[in-house]
Protein backbone atom coordinates (compact mmCIF):
# COMPACT_ATOMS: atom_id res chain seq x y z
CA MET A 1 0.04 0.20 -0.16
CA PRO A 2 1.15 3.70 -0.72
CA PRO A 3 2.42 5.76 2.34
CA PRO A 4 -0.40 6.88 4.50
CA GLU A 5 -1.25 10.79 3.72
CA VAL A 6 -4.04 11.64 6.04
CA THR A 7 -4.97 10.36 9.48
CA ASN A 8 -7.60 7.62 8.23
CA ASP A 9 -5.06 6.13 5.79
CA LEU A 10 -2.93 5.49 9.06
CA LEU A 11 -5.71 4.36 11.29
CA GLY A 12 -6.62 1.74 8.36
CA LEU A 13 -3.15 0.45 8.41
CA LEU A 14 -3.21 -0.03 12.01
CA GLU A 15 -6.31 -1.76 11.83
CA LYS A 16 -5.26 -4.39 9.24
CA SER A 17 -1.55 -4.52 11.14
CA ARG A 18 -3.40 -5.84 14.24
CA LEU A 19 -0.62 -3.98 16.29
CA LEU A 20 -3.57 -1.83 18.27
CA SER A 21 -7.21 -2.32 18.74
CA GLU A 22 -10.06 0.08 18.02
CA ASN A 23 -10.14 0.74 21.81
CA GLN A 24 -6.64 1.40 22.18
CA VAL A 25 -6.36 3.84 19.45
CA GLY A 26 -9.26 5.70 20.78
CA ASP A 27 -8.20 5.58 24.30
CA ALA A 28 -4.99 7.03 23.11
CA PHE A 29 -6.43 10.06 21.16
CA GLU A 30 -8.46 10.73 24.43
CA ARG A 31 -5.51 10.16 26.82
CA LEU A 32 -3.12 12.54 24.97
CA LYS A 33 -5.68 14.83 23.80
CA LEU A 34 -4.78 14.31 20.14
CA PRO A 35 -6.58 16.10 17.35
CA ALA A 36 -9.07 14.45 15.14
CA ASP A 37 -6.94 15.55 11.74
CA ILE A 38 -3.56 15.00 13.19
CA ALA A 39 -0.83 14.11 10.65
CA PRO A 40 0.44 10.13 10.05
CA ALA A 41 4.11 11.16 11.29
CA GLU A 42 2.62 13.07 14.55
CA LEU A 43 0.27 10.48 15.32
CA THR A 44 2.95 7.86 15.08
CA GLU A 45 5.40 9.54 17.02
CA ALA A 46 2.80 10.09 19.71
CA LEU A 47 2.10 6.37 19.90
CA VAL A 48 5.75 5.83 20.29
CA GLY A 49 6.33 8.19 22.82
CA SER A 50 3.49 6.46 24.74
CA GLY A 51 4.62 2.90 24.11
CA LEU A 52 2.17 1.52 22.14
CA LEU A 53 4.16 1.36 19.13
CA THR A 54 7.79 0.87 18.43
CA ARG A 55 9.84 2.80 16.03
CA PHE A 56 10.42 -0.07 14.14
CA GLN A 57 6.54 -0.58 13.63
CA ALA A 58 6.11 3.16 13.64
CA ASP A 59 8.43 3.26 10.40
CA ARG A 60 6.88 0.34 8.53
CA LEU A 61 3.29 1.73 9.33
CA LEU A 62 4.34 5.12 7.74
CA GLU A 63 6.06 2.99 4.61
CA GLY A 64 2.29 1.98 4.03
CA ARG A 65 2.90 -1.69 5.38
CA HIS A 66 0.74 -3.61 7.43
CA ARG A 67 2.08 -6.91 6.85
CA GLY A 68 4.99 -8.83 8.85
CA PHE A 69 4.21 -7.51 12.38
CA PHE A 70 3.06 -11.19 13.44
CA ILE A 71 5.19 -14.53 12.98
CA GLY A 72 3.22 -17.09 14.72
CA ASN A 73 2.02 -16.17 18.21
CA TYR A 74 5.06 -13.70 18.32
CA ARG A 75 4.73 -9.89 18.01
CA CYS A 76 7.73 -8.30 16.24
CA ASP A 77 8.71 -5.15 17.90
CA HIS A 78 12.69 -4.47 16.76
CA ILE A 79 14.95 -5.49 14.02
CA LEU A 80 18.03 -7.45 16.01
CA GLY A 81 19.67 -8.47 12.69
CA THR A 82 19.34 -9.09 9.10
CA GLY A 83 21.29 -11.26 6.77
CA GLY A 84 21.43 -14.16 4.12
CA MET A 85 19.96 -16.75 6.67
CA GLY A 86 17.07 -14.40 7.73
CA TRP A 87 15.79 -11.59 9.48
CA LEU A 88 15.90 -11.59 13.49
CA TYR A 89 13.56 -9.82 15.46
CA LEU A 90 12.98 -8.91 19.03
CA ALA A 91 9.32 -9.98 19.51
CA THR A 92 6.82 -10.50 22.00
CA ASP A 93 5.15 -13.60 23.19
CA ASN A 94 1.31 -12.78 22.75
CA ASP A 95 0.31 -15.42 25.62
CA SER A 96 3.24 -14.83 28.19
CA GLY A 97 4.47 -11.46 27.51
CA ASN A 98 8.14 -12.36 27.40
CA PRO A 99 10.44 -10.87 25.18
CA VAL A 100 12.03 -13.50 22.75
CA ALA A 101 14.36 -13.27 19.76
CA VAL A 102 12.54 -14.68 16.57
CA LYS A 103 14.47 -15.72 13.37
CA MET A 104 12.71 -15.94 9.98
CA LEU A 105 13.89 -17.51 6.79
CA PRO A 106 13.63 -14.60 4.28
CA LYS A 107 10.66 -15.41 1.65
CA ARG A 108 12.97 -15.53 -1.34
CA LEU A 109 15.03 -18.59 0.30
CA GLU A 110 11.73 -20.89 1.19
CA GLY A 111 12.68 -22.78 -2.27
CA ASP A 112 16.28 -22.77 -1.35
CA PRO A 113 17.27 -26.09 -0.15
CA GLY A 114 20.62 -25.20 1.27
CA MET A 115 19.46 -22.49 3.10
CA ILE A 116 16.60 -24.54 4.54
CA ALA A 117 18.80 -27.40 5.69
CA ARG A 118 21.11 -24.63 7.25
CA PHE A 119 17.89 -23.12 8.80
CA GLU A 120 16.68 -26.18 10.01
CA LEU A 121 20.04 -27.48 11.46
CA GLU A 122 20.51 -24.30 13.49
CA ALA A 123 17.60 -24.88 15.11
CA LYS A 124 18.04 -28.74 16.04
CA ALA A 125 21.61 -27.94 17.35
CA GLY A 126 19.94 -25.34 19.51
CA LEU A 127 17.26 -27.39 20.63
CA LEU A 128 19.72 -29.87 22.22
CA LEU A 129 22.01 -27.42 23.64
CA ASN A 130 21.08 -25.54 27.31
CA HIS A 131 23.94 -23.66 28.58
CA PRO A 132 25.08 -20.04 29.99
CA ASN A 133 27.46 -19.52 27.11
CA VAL A 134 25.15 -20.93 24.21
CA VAL A 135 22.20 -19.03 22.69
CA ARG A 136 19.16 -20.71 24.11
CA THR A 137 16.61 -22.10 21.34
CA PHE A 138 12.80 -22.97 22.48
CA GLU A 139 11.14 -24.14 19.28
CA HIS A 140 11.21 -24.34 15.62
CA ARG A 141 8.32 -23.85 13.53
CA ARG A 142 6.28 -23.31 10.41
CA THR A 143 3.31 -21.01 10.00
CA GLU A 144 1.23 -20.23 7.28
CA GLY A 145 1.85 -16.83 6.05
CA VAL A 146 0.34 -14.65 3.24
CA TYR A 147 2.54 -16.14 0.75
CA GLY A 148 2.67 -19.59 2.18
CA ASP A 149 4.64 -21.13 4.68
CA VAL A 150 6.79 -19.25 7.31
CA TYR A 151 10.08 -21.06 8.66
CA TYR A 152 10.88 -19.49 12.03
CA VAL A 153 13.32 -20.11 15.23
CA VAL A 154 12.00 -18.74 18.92
CA MET A 155 15.33 -18.20 20.86
CA GLU A 156 16.30 -16.33 23.80
CA VAL A 157 16.90 -12.78 23.66
CA VAL A 158 20.50 -11.72 23.92
CA ARG A 159 20.91 -7.92 24.32
CA GLY A 160 24.07 -8.04 22.90
CA ILE A 161 26.39 -7.52 19.46
CA SER A 162 28.46 -10.01 18.06
CA LEU A 163 32.34 -9.83 19.15
CA GLU A 164 32.89 -8.79 15.62
CA GLU A 165 30.55 -5.60 15.92
CA LEU A 166 32.54 -4.92 19.42
CA ILE A 167 35.86 -4.94 17.62
CA VAL A 168 35.05 -2.81 14.84
CA ARG A 169 33.24 -0.11 16.93
CA ASN A 170 36.07 0.03 19.79
CA GLY A 171 39.02 -1.66 18.66
CA PRO A 172 40.89 -4.92 19.80
CA LEU A 173 39.95 -5.81 23.34
CA PRO A 174 42.48 -5.40 26.44
CA TRP A 175 44.01 -9.07 26.59
CA PRO A 176 42.47 -9.75 29.96
CA ALA A 177 39.12 -9.25 28.49
CA ALA A 178 40.02 -10.85 25.45
CA CYS A 179 41.04 -14.35 27.69
CA ASP A 180 37.63 -13.95 29.30
CA VAL A 181 35.79 -13.98 26.16
CA VAL A 182 37.31 -17.04 24.54
CA ARG A 183 37.47 -18.71 28.01
CA GLN A 184 33.63 -18.23 28.00
CA SER A 185 33.34 -19.48 24.19
CA ALA A 186 35.49 -22.43 25.10
CA ALA A 187 32.89 -23.21 27.86
CA GLY A 188 30.22 -23.32 25.61
CA LEU A 189 31.60 -25.26 22.83
CA GLN A 190 32.61 -27.84 25.64
CA HIS A 191 29.02 -28.21 26.15
CA ALA A 192 28.14 -28.42 22.55
CA HIS A 193 30.78 -31.28 22.27
CA ASP A 194 29.83 -33.34 24.88
CA ASN A 195 26.45 -33.44 23.59
CA GLY A 196 27.58 -34.30 20.15
CA THR A 197 27.62 -31.17 18.29
CA ILE A 198 30.50 -29.54 16.62
CA HIS A 199 29.95 -25.96 15.46
CA ARG A 200 32.06 -25.72 12.41
CA ASP A 201 31.63 -21.91 12.20
CA VAL A 202 33.27 -20.22 15.26
CA LYS A 203 34.18 -16.65 14.60
CA PRO A 204 33.80 -13.59 15.95
CA ALA A 205 30.78 -12.69 13.96
CA ASN A 206 28.84 -15.88 16.00
CA LEU A 207 29.92 -14.67 19.54
CA LEU A 208 27.43 -12.29 21.23
CA VAL A 209 28.72 -9.98 23.95
CA ASP A 210 26.20 -8.40 26.20
CA ILE A 211 27.00 -4.93 28.05
CA ASP A 212 28.43 -6.98 31.15
CA GLY A 213 30.75 -8.86 29.04
CA HIS A 214 28.75 -12.25 29.13
CA VAL A 215 29.21 -14.21 25.89
CA LYS A 216 27.17 -16.57 24.25
CA ILE A 217 27.43 -18.70 20.76
CA ALA A 218 25.17 -18.32 18.00
CA ASP A 219 24.48 -19.53 14.90
CA PHE A 220 24.82 -23.46 14.53
CA GLY A 221 23.87 -23.46 10.68
CA LEU A 222 27.03 -25.33 9.91
CA SER A 223 27.33 -27.56 12.66
CA LYS A 224 27.96 -31.40 12.64
CA ILE A 225 25.53 -33.15 14.59
CA GLU A 226 26.14 -36.96 15.74
CA SER A 227 22.61 -37.83 15.69
CA GLU A 228 21.65 -36.37 12.48
CA ALA A 229 23.53 -37.98 9.84
CA ASP A 230 21.05 -37.33 7.26
CA ASP A 231 21.31 -33.56 7.76
CA GLU A 232 24.80 -33.96 7.26
CA PHE A 233 24.58 -35.76 3.98
CA SER A 234 22.15 -32.86 3.06
CA LEU A 235 24.77 -30.35 3.44
CA GLN A 236 27.42 -32.34 1.55
CA MET A 237 24.94 -32.90 -1.29
CA ILE A 238 24.30 -29.15 -1.50
CA PHE A 239 27.09 -27.14 -0.70
CA GLY A 240 30.15 -29.82 -1.40
CA HIS A 241 31.78 -31.87 1.88
CA ASP A 242 35.30 -30.75 1.35
CA CYS A 243 35.00 -27.21 2.94
CA LEU A 244 32.06 -25.91 5.14
CA GLY A 245 33.06 -22.92 6.99
CA THR A 246 34.54 -19.43 7.27
CA ALA A 247 37.82 -19.15 5.22
CA ASP A 248 39.33 -16.68 7.97
CA TYR A 249 38.89 -18.93 10.53
CA ILE A 250 38.55 -22.46 9.42
CA ALA A 251 40.91 -25.32 10.84
CA PRO A 252 43.42 -26.88 8.34
CA GLU A 253 41.47 -30.21 8.15
CA GLN A 254 38.13 -28.59 7.88
CA THR A 255 39.55 -26.97 4.70
CA LEU A 256 39.97 -30.62 3.18
CA ASP A 257 37.14 -32.60 4.86
CA SER A 258 34.09 -30.75 6.80
CA SER A 259 32.53 -34.10 7.51
CA ALA A 260 35.41 -35.82 9.23
CA VAL A 261 36.49 -32.93 11.76
CA ASP A 262 35.92 -33.28 15.45
CA GLY A 263 35.85 -30.40 18.28
CA ARG A 264 39.57 -29.73 17.96
CA ALA A 265 38.47 -27.78 14.85
CA ASP A 266 36.12 -25.59 16.68
CA LEU A 267 39.35 -25.02 18.75
CA TYR A 268 41.20 -23.75 15.90
CA SER A 269 38.66 -21.49 14.67
CA LEU A 270 38.40 -20.10 18.28
CA GLY A 271 42.06 -19.55 18.34
CA CYS A 272 41.91 -17.47 15.02
CA THR A 273 39.10 -15.86 16.69
CA PHE A 274 41.43 -15.24 19.97
CA TYR A 275 43.96 -13.67 17.36
CA ALA A 276 41.52 -11.16 16.03
CA THR A 277 40.10 -10.19 19.68
CA LEU A 278 43.49 -9.35 20.47
CA THR A 279 44.85 -7.55 17.62
CA GLY A 280 41.84 -6.40 15.75
CA LYS A 281 43.36 -7.96 12.62
CA LEU A 282 42.87 -11.40 10.85
CA PRO A 283 45.31 -14.24 11.39
CA PHE A 284 45.75 -14.20 7.34
CA PRO A 285 44.42 -10.74 5.91
CA LEU A 286 44.69 -11.96 1.98
CA LYS A 287 42.58 -11.28 -0.73
CA THR A 288 41.21 -14.62 -2.02
CA THR A 289 39.44 -17.39 -0.30
CA LYS A 290 41.84 -19.99 -2.11
CA GLN A 291 44.69 -17.94 -0.75
CA LYS A 292 43.13 -17.72 3.14
CA LEU A 293 42.56 -21.51 2.90
CA GLU A 294 46.28 -22.38 1.74
CA ALA A 295 47.40 -20.18 4.42
CA GLN A 296 45.06 -22.07 7.32
CA ARG A 297 47.08 -25.27 6.14
CA THR A 298 50.45 -24.12 5.58
CA ARG A 299 51.42 -20.81 6.90
CA LYS A 300 51.58 -19.00 10.58
CA PRO A 301 50.00 -15.73 11.05
CA ARG A 302 52.23 -12.63 12.25
CA PRO A 303 53.55 -13.08 15.79
CA VAL A 304 50.90 -11.95 18.25
CA GLY A 305 53.23 -10.77 20.60
CA ASN A 306 54.74 -8.43 18.12
CA LEU A 307 51.25 -6.58 17.79
CA VAL A 308 49.78 -6.42 21.53
CA GLU A 309 51.89 -4.65 23.97
CA ASP A 310 52.42 -6.37 27.39
CA LEU A 311 50.98 -9.50 26.54
CA PRO A 312 52.06 -12.52 29.12
CA PRO A 313 54.05 -15.17 27.10
CA GLU A 314 52.19 -17.95 28.51
CA VAL A 315 48.78 -16.38 26.67
CA THR A 316 50.85 -16.31 23.63
CA ALA A 317 51.89 -20.25 24.33
CA ILE A 318 47.95 -20.67 24.59
CA LEU A 319 46.99 -19.10 21.35
CA GLU A 320 49.75 -20.47 19.50
CA LYS A 321 48.82 -24.43 20.55
CA MET A 322 45.07 -23.67 19.70
CA ILE A 323 46.28 -22.75 16.24
CA SER A 324 48.63 -25.58 15.76
CA LYS A 325 47.93 -27.03 12.36
CA ARG A 326 47.78 -30.60 13.50
CA PRO A 327 44.74 -31.23 15.56
CA GLU A 328 47.00 -33.85 17.95
CA THR A 329 49.02 -30.94 18.93
CA ARG A 330 46.45 -28.63 19.73
CA PHE A 331 44.26 -28.63 23.01
CA GLN A 332 42.23 -31.95 22.99
CA GLN A 333 39.35 -30.47 24.81
CA ALA A 334 37.73 -26.94 25.24
CA SER A 335 37.89 -27.11 28.79
CA ASP A 336 41.62 -27.47 28.61
CA VAL A 337 41.36 -24.09 26.94
CA CYS A 338 39.08 -22.79 29.94
CA ARG A 339 41.65 -23.92 32.40
CA ALA A 340 44.64 -22.58 30.65
CA LEU A 341 42.97 -19.10 30.18
CA SER A 342 41.41 -18.74 33.44
CA PRO A 343 44.28 -16.96 35.44
CA PHE A 344 44.41 -14.51 32.93
CA SER A 345 41.01 -13.72 32.22
CA LYS A 346 38.92 -10.38 33.58
CA ARG A 347 35.48 -9.89 32.97
CA THR A 348 35.08 -6.50 31.41
CA PRO A 349 31.91 -4.58 30.59
CA ALA A 350 31.31 -4.21 26.96
CA ASP A 351 31.03 -0.34 25.96
CA PHE A 352 27.78 -0.12 23.54
CA SER A 353 24.28 1.10 23.84
CA PHE A 354 22.02 -1.59 22.71
CA GLU A 355 19.23 0.88 22.38
CA LYS A 356 21.23 2.59 19.86
CA VAL A 357 22.01 -0.71 18.32
CA LEU A 358 18.48 -1.26 17.68
CA VAL A 359 18.01 2.20 15.97
CA GLN A 360 20.87 1.32 13.81
CA ARG A 361 19.62 -1.89 12.76
CA ALA A 362 16.35 -0.89 12.10
CA GLU A 363 17.86 1.70 9.84
CA ILE A 364 19.85 -0.87 8.09
CA ALA A 365 16.82 -2.66 7.46
CA ARG A 366 14.89 0.29 6.18
CA LYS A 367 17.79 0.54 3.52
CA LYS A 368 17.74 -3.06 2.59
CA ILE A 369 14.27 -3.01 2.16
CA ALA A 370 14.25 0.03 -0.01
CA ALA A 371 17.30 -1.32 -2.23
CA LYS A 372 15.16 -4.24 -2.50
CA GLN A 373 12.13 -2.30 -3.73
CA LEU A 374 14.28 -0.10 -6.28
CA HIS A 375 15.91 -3.54 -7.72
CA ARG A 376 12.13 -4.86 -8.45
CA THR A 377 11.27 -1.71 -10.22
CA GLY A 378 14.70 -1.18 -11.73
CA GLY A 379 16.18 1.66 -9.86
CA SER A 380 19.22 1.80 -8.81
CA SER A 381 20.84 3.04 -5.27
CA VAL A 382 24.60 3.17 -3.73
CA VAL A 383 22.76 1.03 -0.40
CA ALA A 384 21.81 -1.75 -3.34
CA GLY A 385 25.43 -3.27 -3.09
CA HIS A 386 24.41 -5.62 -0.40
CA SER A 387 25.22 -9.53 -1.60
CA GLY A 388 23.36 -12.49 -0.53
CA THR A 389 25.69 -13.39 2.42
CA ALA A 390 24.94 -12.34 6.11
CA HIS A 391 26.33 -8.74 7.21
CA SER A 392 26.81 -7.54 10.39
CA ALA A 393 24.17 -4.71 11.97
CA VAL A 394 27.48 -2.28 11.25
CA GLU A 395 28.36 -2.07 7.33
CA THR A 396 32.12 -2.54 8.17
CA SER A 397 33.83 -5.65 9.26
CA ILE A 398 37.28 -6.85 10.57
CA ARG A 399 37.80 -7.89 6.98
CA SER A 400 37.67 -4.66 5.66
CA ARG A 401 39.40 -3.19 8.33
CA VAL A 402 42.52 -5.16 8.09
CA GLU A 403 42.77 -4.97 3.97
CA THR A 404 42.82 -1.59 4.05
CA ASP A 405 45.49 -1.61 6.98
CA GLU A 406 47.94 -4.06 5.61
């Protein structure tokens, strides 16, 4: 629908959206003493100010959109993230009133067997795990939408940002804080490994950090689950079995055969993540995926001690053991990493505003929607340069930071 031009247009959208009842709108007009002919933008501003709408909901209504506010039994209140694997919303459970995170597979991917396999695998892995350092998954469902089935996963809300975003915003973490982030991540990985799940895509973008410095592992969309051999076969057939993962963080043996790896591959990836967290740089800041994969198998990164002042030699030794090329010479269990790093770890609050993050993510989502609309109508825009791969809530990354630095 076109954007609302007069009050009645907006009231019609509100009715169709089911966000507010007629009585709620009437009460708001009376309580806030709003004129009957108030402009749509002023009305939404008043409703946001009174807590009846969120900024995300108001912006969509002013764009003329009345669909997409409800997924199953959940009301979408804010955008938490957007990317190739789905849209992530901060939502409210209509029955309990509790906040949850709802991840929805985009309509354009509902016919993509690879993305559906990854989406369902992430949900299955999440339902197996229950640990303070792993994002909790509550349910995985399909619901009937306006244009067909909608796949979605309901998870706990993490009021945080990815470690990648944190590094991009604030620079490398002080080494005691970096040790603590990696120690917490290793604790979550040990729980996953104990429950037959290998993550296979450990990287800063998949570690969430809240303002207290607490870490949770997210995105098990490439995981290997012992009890789900059929899913592993599906991933092999769709993506090829030789190399699942992210080139900047992937273990050497995983570049050769992703289906044969064990938990030690996750520890290598966590080591590469440790390197990026300490230095703000990738272990191998090369141009092509082929070069990166070859480097993971054959090269050593620039010594971390040359990049981080006052780093204890014991921490350097722990990192080097984590990124040993041969699995048998690494730490053999994630719990071993926890014990090794504990004496050097210090929990440090993370410096960011979650409320500002929500505003930024809503703006990024708005630009993506506008870019798609321009693409459909044959227009062009400088914001239309996003590819189909996942992006952080900020439009830069460790990768761009490093490649311009080298």
